[in-house]
Protein backbone atom coordinates (compact mmCIF):
# COMPACT_ATOMS: atom_id res chain seq x y z
CA MET A 1 0.00 0.00 0.00
CA LEU A 2 2.96 2.36 0.50
CA TYR A 3 3.61 2.61 -3.23
CA HIS A 4 -0.07 3.32 -3.90
CA ALA A 5 -0.05 6.05 -1.23
CA TYR A 6 3.10 7.59 -2.69
CA GLN A 7 1.67 7.58 -6.21
CA ALA A 8 -1.62 9.04 -5.00
CA TYR A 9 0.22 11.86 -3.24
CA ALA A 10 2.39 12.53 -6.33
CA ASP A 11 -0.73 12.66 -8.52
CA ALA A 12 -2.64 14.90 -6.08
CA THR A 13 0.16 17.46 -5.81
CA GLU A 14 0.98 17.57 -9.52
CA PRO A 15 -1.53 20.41 -10.21
CA PHE A 16 0.44 22.67 -7.84
CA ARG A 17 3.68 21.94 -9.66
CA ALA A 18 1.92 22.48 -12.99
CA MET A 19 0.72 25.89 -11.82
CA ALA A 20 4.24 26.75 -10.70
CA ARG A 21 5.61 25.81 -14.13
CA ALA A 22 2.90 27.90 -15.78
CA GLY A 23 3.76 30.78 -13.47
CA LEU A 24 7.38 30.61 -14.55
CA GLY A 25 6.22 30.91 -18.14
CA PHE A 26 3.99 33.93 -17.47
CA GLY A 27 6.75 35.47 -15.39
CA ARG A 28 8.93 35.92 -18.43
CA ILE A 29 6.38 38.41 -19.72
CA PHE A 30 6.41 40.22 -16.36
CA LYS A 31 10.20 40.32 -16.44
CA ALA A 32 10.18 41.76 -19.95
CA LEU A 33 7.98 44.63 -18.71
CA GLY A 34 10.63 45.70 -16.21
CA GLY A 35 9.77 43.70 -13.10
CA ASP A 36 13.01 41.76 -13.02
CA TYR A 37 14.02 42.50 -9.40
CA LEU A 38 10.64 41.60 -7.89
CA TRP A 39 10.27 38.64 -10.23
CA ARG A 40 13.44 36.94 -9.02
CA ASP A 41 12.05 36.20 -5.56
CA ILE A 42 8.77 34.94 -6.99
CA ALA A 43 10.52 32.88 -9.65
CA ALA A 44 12.79 31.28 -7.05
CA LEU A 45 9.76 30.10 -5.04
CA LEU A 46 7.99 28.87 -8.17
CA GLU A 47 11.11 27.00 -9.34
CA LEU A 48 11.47 25.16 -6.03
CA THR A 49 7.75 24.31 -6.07
CA ALA A 50 7.90 23.02 -9.63
CA ARG A 51 10.89 20.85 -8.75
CA SER A 52 9.42 19.36 -5.55
CA THR A 53 8.94 15.90 -7.00
CA MET A 54 10.74 12.84 -8.28
CA SER A 55 10.93 11.66 -11.86
CA HIS A 56 10.56 8.02 -12.92
CA THR A 57 11.83 8.62 -16.45
CA ARG A 58 15.46 8.30 -17.49
CA PRO A 59 17.08 11.69 -18.12
CA PRO A 60 18.96 12.06 -21.41
CA PHE A 61 22.67 11.30 -21.51
CA GLY A 62 23.08 14.40 -23.65
CA ILE A 63 26.45 13.33 -25.08
CA ASP A 64 26.43 14.49 -28.70
CA LYS A 65 30.16 15.01 -29.19
CA VAL A 66 33.48 14.13 -27.54
CA LEU A 67 37.06 15.22 -27.98
CA VAL A 68 39.07 12.49 -29.72
CA GLY A 69 42.69 13.50 -29.92
CA ASN A 70 42.60 17.17 -30.85
CA ARG A 71 39.23 17.28 -32.62
CA GLU A 72 35.57 16.98 -31.74
CA VAL A 73 33.73 13.92 -33.02
CA ALA A 74 29.96 13.51 -33.19
CA VAL A 75 28.37 10.86 -30.97
CA ARG A 76 25.01 9.16 -31.42
CA GLU A 77 23.21 6.73 -29.16
CA GLU A 78 22.06 3.41 -30.58
CA VAL A 79 20.36 0.48 -28.88
CA VAL A 80 22.45 -2.52 -29.87
CA GLN A 81 20.41 -5.09 -27.95
CA SER A 82 17.10 -4.80 -26.11
CA LEU A 83 16.23 -7.24 -23.34
CA PRO A 84 13.16 -7.06 -21.07
CA PHE A 85 14.96 -5.32 -18.19
CA CYS A 86 17.85 -3.57 -19.94
CA ASN A 87 19.04 -2.07 -23.20
CA LEU A 88 22.63 -2.37 -24.35
CA LEU A 89 23.30 1.21 -25.42
CA ARG A 90 26.24 2.19 -27.60
CA PHE A 91 27.73 5.66 -27.96
CA ALA A 92 28.70 5.31 -31.59
CA LYS A 93 31.24 7.50 -33.39
CA ASP A 94 31.44 7.32 -37.18
CA ASP A 95 34.32 9.69 -37.90
CA ILE A 96 37.10 7.54 -36.41
CA ALA A 97 40.16 6.61 -38.48
CA ILE A 98 41.30 3.75 -36.19
CA ALA A 99 38.97 1.38 -34.37
CA GLN A 100 38.88 2.03 -30.62
CA PRO A 101 38.87 -0.67 -27.90
CA LYS A 102 35.34 -1.78 -27.00
CA MET A 103 34.35 -1.02 -23.41
CA LEU A 104 31.25 -2.35 -21.64
CA VAL A 105 30.26 -0.13 -18.72
CA VAL A 106 28.17 -2.10 -16.22
CA ALA A 107 26.01 0.48 -14.47
CA PRO A 108 24.55 -0.11 -11.01
CA LEU A 109 20.96 -1.22 -10.62
CA SER A 110 20.47 0.54 -7.32
CA GLY A 111 17.74 3.17 -7.57
CA HIS A 112 19.11 5.57 -10.19
CA PHE A 113 19.35 5.39 -13.97
CA ALA A 114 22.55 4.67 -15.88
CA THR A 115 22.76 8.40 -16.69
CA LEU A 116 24.34 8.77 -13.25
CA LEU A 117 27.47 7.64 -15.11
CA ARG A 118 27.21 10.35 -17.77
CA SER A 119 30.61 11.80 -16.86
CA THR A 120 32.14 8.32 -16.82
CA VAL A 121 30.86 7.56 -20.31
CA GLU A 122 31.87 10.94 -21.71
CA THR A 123 35.44 10.55 -20.51
CA LEU A 124 35.77 6.92 -21.61
CA SER A 125 34.43 7.80 -25.07
CA ARG A 126 37.54 9.80 -25.90
CA ASP A 127 39.56 6.62 -26.36
CA HIS A 128 37.02 3.78 -26.37
CA ASP A 129 33.98 2.47 -28.21
CA VAL A 130 31.64 2.65 -25.21
CA TYR A 131 28.61 0.49 -24.44
CA ILE A 132 26.53 0.74 -21.26
CA THR A 133 23.87 -1.31 -19.48
CA ASP A 134 20.89 1.04 -19.67
CA TRP A 135 18.61 -0.50 -17.02
CA LYS A 136 14.87 -0.13 -17.45
CA ASN A 137 12.61 1.03 -14.64
CA ALA A 138 11.01 -2.13 -13.23
CA ARG A 139 7.72 -0.30 -12.76
CA ASP A 140 7.54 -0.05 -16.56
CA VAL A 141 8.28 -3.74 -17.23
CA PRO A 142 5.07 -5.82 -17.57
CA LEU A 143 4.58 -8.94 -15.48
CA SER A 144 4.68 -11.01 -18.67
CA ALA A 145 8.46 -10.36 -18.85
CA GLY A 146 8.93 -12.67 -15.85
CA ARG A 147 11.28 -12.34 -12.90
CA PHE A 148 14.72 -10.76 -12.73
CA GLY A 149 17.12 -11.90 -10.03
CA PHE A 150 20.84 -11.94 -9.22
CA ASP A 151 21.63 -14.74 -11.67
CA ASP A 152 19.69 -12.96 -14.41
CA TYR A 153 21.92 -9.93 -13.94
CA VAL A 154 24.97 -12.18 -14.45
CA ASP A 155 23.29 -13.57 -17.58
CA TYR A 156 22.82 -10.06 -18.95
CA VAL A 157 26.49 -9.18 -18.44
CA ILE A 158 27.57 -12.34 -20.28
CA ARG A 159 25.08 -11.77 -23.12
CA PHE A 160 26.23 -8.18 -23.57
CA LEU A 161 29.88 -9.23 -23.68
CA GLU A 162 28.91 -11.77 -26.32
CA THR A 163 27.14 -9.06 -28.31
CA ILE A 164 30.20 -6.81 -28.16
CA GLY A 165 32.35 -9.73 -29.25
CA PRO A 166 35.93 -10.89 -28.57
CA GLY A 167 38.54 -8.38 -27.50
CA GLY A 168 36.25 -6.24 -25.34
CA HIS A 169 36.89 -4.67 -21.95
CA LEU A 170 34.62 -4.35 -18.92
CA LEU A 171 34.22 -1.61 -16.33
CA ALA A 172 31.77 -2.03 -13.42
CA VAL A 173 30.79 0.75 -11.03
CA CYS A 174 29.67 0.11 -7.45
CA GLN A 175 27.02 -2.56 -6.77
CA PRO A 176 27.47 -4.67 -9.97
CA CYS A 177 31.17 -5.33 -9.30
CA VAL A 178 30.13 -8.63 -7.72
CA GLN A 179 27.99 -9.72 -10.68
CA ALA A 180 30.62 -8.54 -13.16
CA LEU A 181 33.37 -10.52 -11.42
CA ALA A 182 31.09 -13.57 -11.29
CA ALA A 183 30.32 -13.27 -15.01
CA VAL A 184 33.98 -13.03 -15.98
CA ALA A 185 34.86 -15.97 -13.70
CA LEU A 186 32.22 -18.15 -15.34
CA MET A 187 33.35 -17.15 -18.82
CA ALA A 188 36.97 -17.84 -17.92
CA GLU A 189 36.18 -21.30 -16.60
CA ASP A 190 34.28 -22.03 -19.82
CA LYS A 191 37.14 -20.59 -21.91
CA HIS A 192 34.56 -18.33 -23.53
CA PRO A 193 35.96 -16.48 -26.56
CA CYS A 194 34.28 -13.24 -25.44
CA GLN A 195 35.76 -13.03 -21.95
CA PRO A 196 37.08 -9.47 -21.62
CA LEU A 197 40.73 -8.54 -21.93
CA SER A 198 40.50 -6.29 -18.87
CA MET A 199 38.10 -5.83 -15.96
CA THR A 200 37.99 -2.61 -13.95
CA LEU A 201 36.05 -2.77 -10.67
CA MET A 202 35.31 0.64 -9.16
CA ALA A 203 34.13 1.19 -5.57
CA GLY A 204 32.27 -2.13 -5.44
CA PRO A 205 31.23 -4.34 -2.51
CA ILE A 206 33.35 -7.42 -3.21
CA ASP A 207 33.81 -8.05 0.53
CA THR A 208 31.47 -6.00 2.73
CA ARG A 209 32.97 -7.50 5.90
CA ILE A 210 35.93 -5.15 5.52
CA SER A 211 35.48 -1.81 7.35
CA PRO A 212 31.65 -1.85 7.20
CA THR A 213 30.00 1.46 6.32
CA LYS A 214 26.56 2.72 7.35
CA VAL A 215 25.17 1.14 4.19
CA ASN A 216 26.67 -2.23 5.13
CA GLU A 217 25.45 -1.94 8.71
CA LEU A 218 21.92 -1.14 7.55
CA ALA A 219 21.91 -4.27 5.39
CA THR A 220 22.91 -6.45 8.32
CA SER A 221 20.74 -4.77 10.96
CA HIS A 222 17.60 -6.67 9.91
CA SER A 223 16.75 -10.15 8.72
CA ILE A 224 16.10 -10.77 5.04
CA ASP A 225 12.44 -11.34 5.91
CA TRP A 226 12.30 -7.82 7.36
CA PHE A 227 13.53 -6.39 4.05
CA ARG A 228 11.04 -8.51 2.13
CA ASN A 229 8.08 -7.57 4.37
CA ASN A 230 8.85 -3.85 4.78
CA LEU A 231 10.59 -2.65 1.62
CA ILE A 232 8.98 -4.65 -1.18
CA HIS A 233 5.81 -3.20 -2.71
CA SER A 234 3.53 -3.74 -5.71
CA VAL A 235 3.53 -1.35 -8.65
CA PRO A 236 0.21 0.60 -8.77
CA PHE A 237 -2.46 -0.40 -11.26
CA ARG A 238 -2.24 2.36 -13.86
CA LEU A 239 1.46 1.73 -14.62
CA LYS A 240 2.86 -0.70 -17.21
CA GLY A 241 4.39 -2.94 -14.57
CA SER A 242 1.18 -3.10 -12.54
CA GLY A 243 1.34 -5.87 -9.96
CA ARG A 244 5.10 -6.41 -10.22
CA LYS A 245 6.88 -6.64 -6.87
CA VAL A 246 9.62 -4.00 -6.64
CA TYR A 247 11.92 -2.18 -4.29
CA PRO A 248 10.77 1.38 -5.08
CA GLY A 249 13.39 3.89 -6.08
CA PHE A 250 11.81 6.57 -3.91
CA ILE A 251 12.54 4.50 -0.79
CA GLN A 252 16.18 4.16 -1.83
CA LEU A 253 16.37 7.91 -2.45
CA PHE A 254 14.92 8.74 0.96
CA ALA A 255 17.38 6.32 2.58
CA PHE A 256 20.37 7.97 0.90
CA MET A 257 19.10 11.49 1.63
CA SER A 258 18.57 10.67 5.29
CA MET A 259 22.30 9.93 5.61
CA ASN A 260 23.11 13.56 4.70
CA MET A 261 19.83 15.44 5.12
CA ASP A 262 21.45 18.69 6.29
CA ARG A 263 23.51 18.81 3.10
CA HIS A 264 20.43 18.46 0.89
CA VAL A 265 18.46 21.08 2.85
CA ASN A 266 21.36 23.51 2.61
CA ALA A 267 21.71 22.83 -1.12
CA HIS A 268 18.09 23.81 -1.74
CA ARG A 269 18.48 26.88 0.45
CA GLU A 270 21.47 27.88 -1.64
CA LEU A 271 19.49 27.19 -4.80
CA TYR A 272 16.78 29.63 -3.68
CA PHE A 273 19.28 32.41 -2.95
CA HIS A 274 21.17 31.83 -6.20
CA LEU A 275 17.93 32.11 -8.17
CA ALA A 276 16.68 35.12 -6.20
CA ASN A 277 19.96 36.94 -6.75
CA GLY A 278 20.31 36.09 -10.43
CA ARG A 279 23.30 33.78 -10.04
CA VAL A 280 22.22 31.56 -12.91
CA GLU A 281 25.42 29.54 -13.35
CA GLN A 282 25.59 28.49 -9.69
CA ALA A 283 21.87 27.65 -9.69
CA GLU A 284 22.21 25.54 -12.83
CA LYS A 285 24.88 23.35 -11.22
CA ILE A 286 22.60 22.52 -8.29
CA MET A 287 19.54 21.98 -10.49
CA SER A 288 21.45 19.69 -12.85
CA PHE A 289 22.64 17.55 -9.95
CA TYR A 290 19.13 17.18 -8.48
CA ASP A 291 17.54 16.55 -11.88
CA GLU A 292 19.69 13.41 -11.93
CA TYR A 293 19.47 12.61 -8.23
CA PHE A 294 15.67 12.83 -8.14
CA ALA A 295 15.24 10.59 -11.20
CA VAL A 296 14.56 7.25 -9.51
CA LEU A 297 14.32 3.71 -10.80
CA ASP A 298 12.51 0.76 -9.19
CA LEU A 299 14.38 -2.51 -8.74
CA PRO A 300 12.82 -5.93 -9.35
CA ALA A 301 12.08 -7.41 -5.92
CA GLU A 302 13.96 -10.65 -6.61
CA PHE A 303 17.13 -8.83 -7.57
CA TYR A 304 17.03 -6.52 -4.57
CA ILE A 305 16.40 -9.23 -1.99
CA GLU A 306 18.99 -11.60 -3.46
CA THR A 307 21.60 -8.82 -3.64
CA VAL A 308 21.05 -7.80 -0.02
CA SER A 309 21.31 -11.44 1.03
CA LYS A 310 24.19 -12.66 -1.14
CA VAL A 311 26.35 -9.54 -1.27
CA PHE A 312 25.71 -7.43 1.82
CA GLN A 313 24.61 -9.93 4.46
CA ASP A 314 26.46 -13.13 3.60
CA ALA A 315 29.36 -11.90 1.40
CA LEU A 316 29.16 -15.18 -0.51
CA LEU A 317 31.63 -14.27 -3.24
CA ALA A 318 34.29 -13.24 -0.73
CA LYS A 319 33.75 -16.48 1.22
CA GLY A 320 34.02 -18.62 -1.92
CA GLU A 321 30.41 -19.74 -1.54
CA LEU A 322 28.64 -17.87 -4.35
CA THR A 323 26.79 -20.04 -6.84
CA TYR A 324 25.23 -19.26 -10.21
CA ARG A 325 22.30 -21.48 -11.15
CA GLY A 326 23.69 -24.18 -8.88
CA ARG A 327 27.24 -23.82 -10.19
CA LYS A 328 30.04 -22.55 -7.96
CA VAL A 329 31.64 -19.27 -9.03
CA ARG A 330 35.46 -19.55 -9.08
CA PRO A 331 37.31 -16.23 -9.60
CA SER A 332 40.56 -18.23 -9.45
CA ALA A 333 39.64 -19.48 -12.95
CA ILE A 334 40.44 -16.02 -14.35
CA HIS A 335 43.86 -16.23 -16.04
CA ARG A 336 43.84 -13.84 -19.01
CA THR A 337 41.59 -10.93 -17.95
CA ALA A 338 43.68 -8.12 -16.43
CA LEU A 339 42.26 -6.72 -13.19
CA LEU A 340 42.20 -3.09 -12.01
CA THR A 341 40.45 -2.13 -8.76
CA VAL A 342 39.72 1.50 -7.88
CA GLU A 343 38.79 2.90 -4.47
CA GLY A 344 38.32 6.37 -2.98
CA ASP A 345 39.89 7.02 0.40
CA LYS A 346 36.84 9.01 1.58
CA ASP A 347 34.19 6.61 0.30
CA ASP A 348 31.43 6.28 2.92
CA ILE A 349 29.38 3.82 0.84
CA CYS A 350 32.02 1.28 -0.17
CA ALA A 351 34.97 1.42 2.23
CA VAL A 352 38.64 1.08 1.36
CA GLY A 353 39.56 -2.58 1.05
CA GLN A 354 36.14 -3.88 -0.03
CA THR A 355 36.91 -3.66 -3.75
CA ALA A 356 40.60 -4.52 -3.46
CA ALA A 357 39.48 -7.88 -2.02
CA ALA A 358 38.99 -8.98 -5.63
CA HIS A 359 42.75 -9.49 -5.94
CA ASP A 360 42.74 -12.20 -3.28
CA LEU A 361 39.90 -13.97 -5.09
CA CYS A 362 41.61 -13.81 -8.49
CA SER A 363 44.49 -15.73 -6.99
CA THR A 364 45.96 -17.18 -10.18
CA LEU A 365 46.32 -13.90 -12.06
CA ARG A 366 49.96 -13.12 -12.74
CA PRO A 367 51.34 -9.95 -11.09
CA HIS A 368 51.61 -7.96 -14.32
CA LEU A 369 47.83 -8.41 -14.84
CA ARG A 370 46.90 -6.91 -11.45
CA ARG A 371 46.66 -3.25 -10.53
CA HIS A 372 45.06 -1.32 -7.67
CA HIS A 373 44.49 2.42 -7.48
CA LEU A 374 43.56 4.18 -4.23
CA GLN A 375 42.49 7.71 -5.06
CA ALA A 376 43.17 10.30 -2.39
CA GLY A 377 40.62 12.99 -1.68
CA VAL A 378 37.49 11.46 -3.22
CA GLY A 379 34.35 9.87 -1.90
CA HIS A 380 32.11 7.37 -3.66
CA TYR A 381 30.95 9.54 -6.56
CA GLY A 382 34.41 11.01 -7.02
CA THR A 383 35.70 7.65 -8.20
CA PHE A 384 33.71 7.93 -11.44
CA SER A 385 33.06 11.66 -11.92
CA GLY A 386 34.79 14.97 -11.32
CA LYS A 387 38.30 16.34 -11.72
CA ARG A 388 40.17 13.47 -10.06
CA TRP A 389 38.24 10.91 -12.10
CA ASN A 390 39.24 12.69 -15.29
CA GLY A 391 42.79 13.56 -14.36
CA GLN A 392 44.01 10.73 -12.14
CA ILE A 393 41.70 7.70 -12.21
CA TYR A 394 40.83 7.52 -15.89
CA PRO A 395 44.50 7.45 -17.03
CA GLN A 396 44.91 4.25 -14.98
CA ILE A 397 42.07 2.61 -16.93
CA ARG A 398 43.28 3.88 -20.30
CA ASN A 399 46.80 2.65 -19.65
CA LEU A 400 45.61 -0.80 -18.64
CA VAL A 401 43.46 -1.13 -21.76
CA LEU A 402 46.38 -0.07 -23.95
CA ALA A 403 48.69 -2.54 -22.22
CA VAL A 404 46.51 -5.59 -22.83
CA SER A 405 44.77 -4.75 -26.12
């Protein structure tokens, strides 16, 4: 019933946001007539009112060109493969003289859309032919598509690597590092021709027993039945996925916001004053961040519950106990895929050491195929976006790809 109550509230308050948006439109006329100073305060209030909601639609990536070498090259998005719960999206570039290494970016399925990795994709696209797992909102996936659990996620990673073909590379960010490592281990054991040449795992929960964070502690503070009974809800009737059991994205958003509520309140206070004082550039930065942050995605219930259980409560991969469809996952089978792990020293979601644990699991990899990068001065999001991502972390990935391609 919680999801139905949330949707009812969102529907009931939409007229107020619509009026605020209309007011912003009429205000431009008022501003043109010389009422700019008075209008700023009114517009600031209307803007905050219009934005007081969450979106359940993926924002655009908005990457139409990238700098390749010393020239700009046009980029276009194309869906290479469409599966019920995810599209394999490619950022294609036609005007390239030499073929670039193929890179599959495995985006997290954790309450936000893959566009959260926009900066990651834009940077990678300079030197790589980039593909990304563009996860669909579970509330828009009809019941007829069936279930989607932990093993299905591993299946999707393998299928997408097969679609990309031999000689590809893989980069996983945050939560899917476990599934990505499992997929590569299975492919290695099968001597699959499409196993990637390199695997970069960034700020992922390979072993959550190491320096547990608040996120890890929350996952272990209740039984799995508590999560199932309190956090799983049915999609309301009027939506495409009506009746599907999901972990709603709005619950995940509230949980993350509650960890730093003062910061979010202060950000919106700053937004009001920037708008009221005509500081457009500063206001745009805050609005762009929250446009992305407030775009939420529902997770299939099976995937959420199995991930909490297998990754965060029981750490099965780290213990050597993870299975895939009854088959034991053996990271020690990985011999030819080079491994790079990346961590941020200020990460309060995935602590230092949790991702580096992958090196102990990939025990048969030769030393020249292993690398670890601990980035000073960054938290979780700084490992895949921002100045240090561009200037210090990305060169580590590029160099590894060049070394093994």
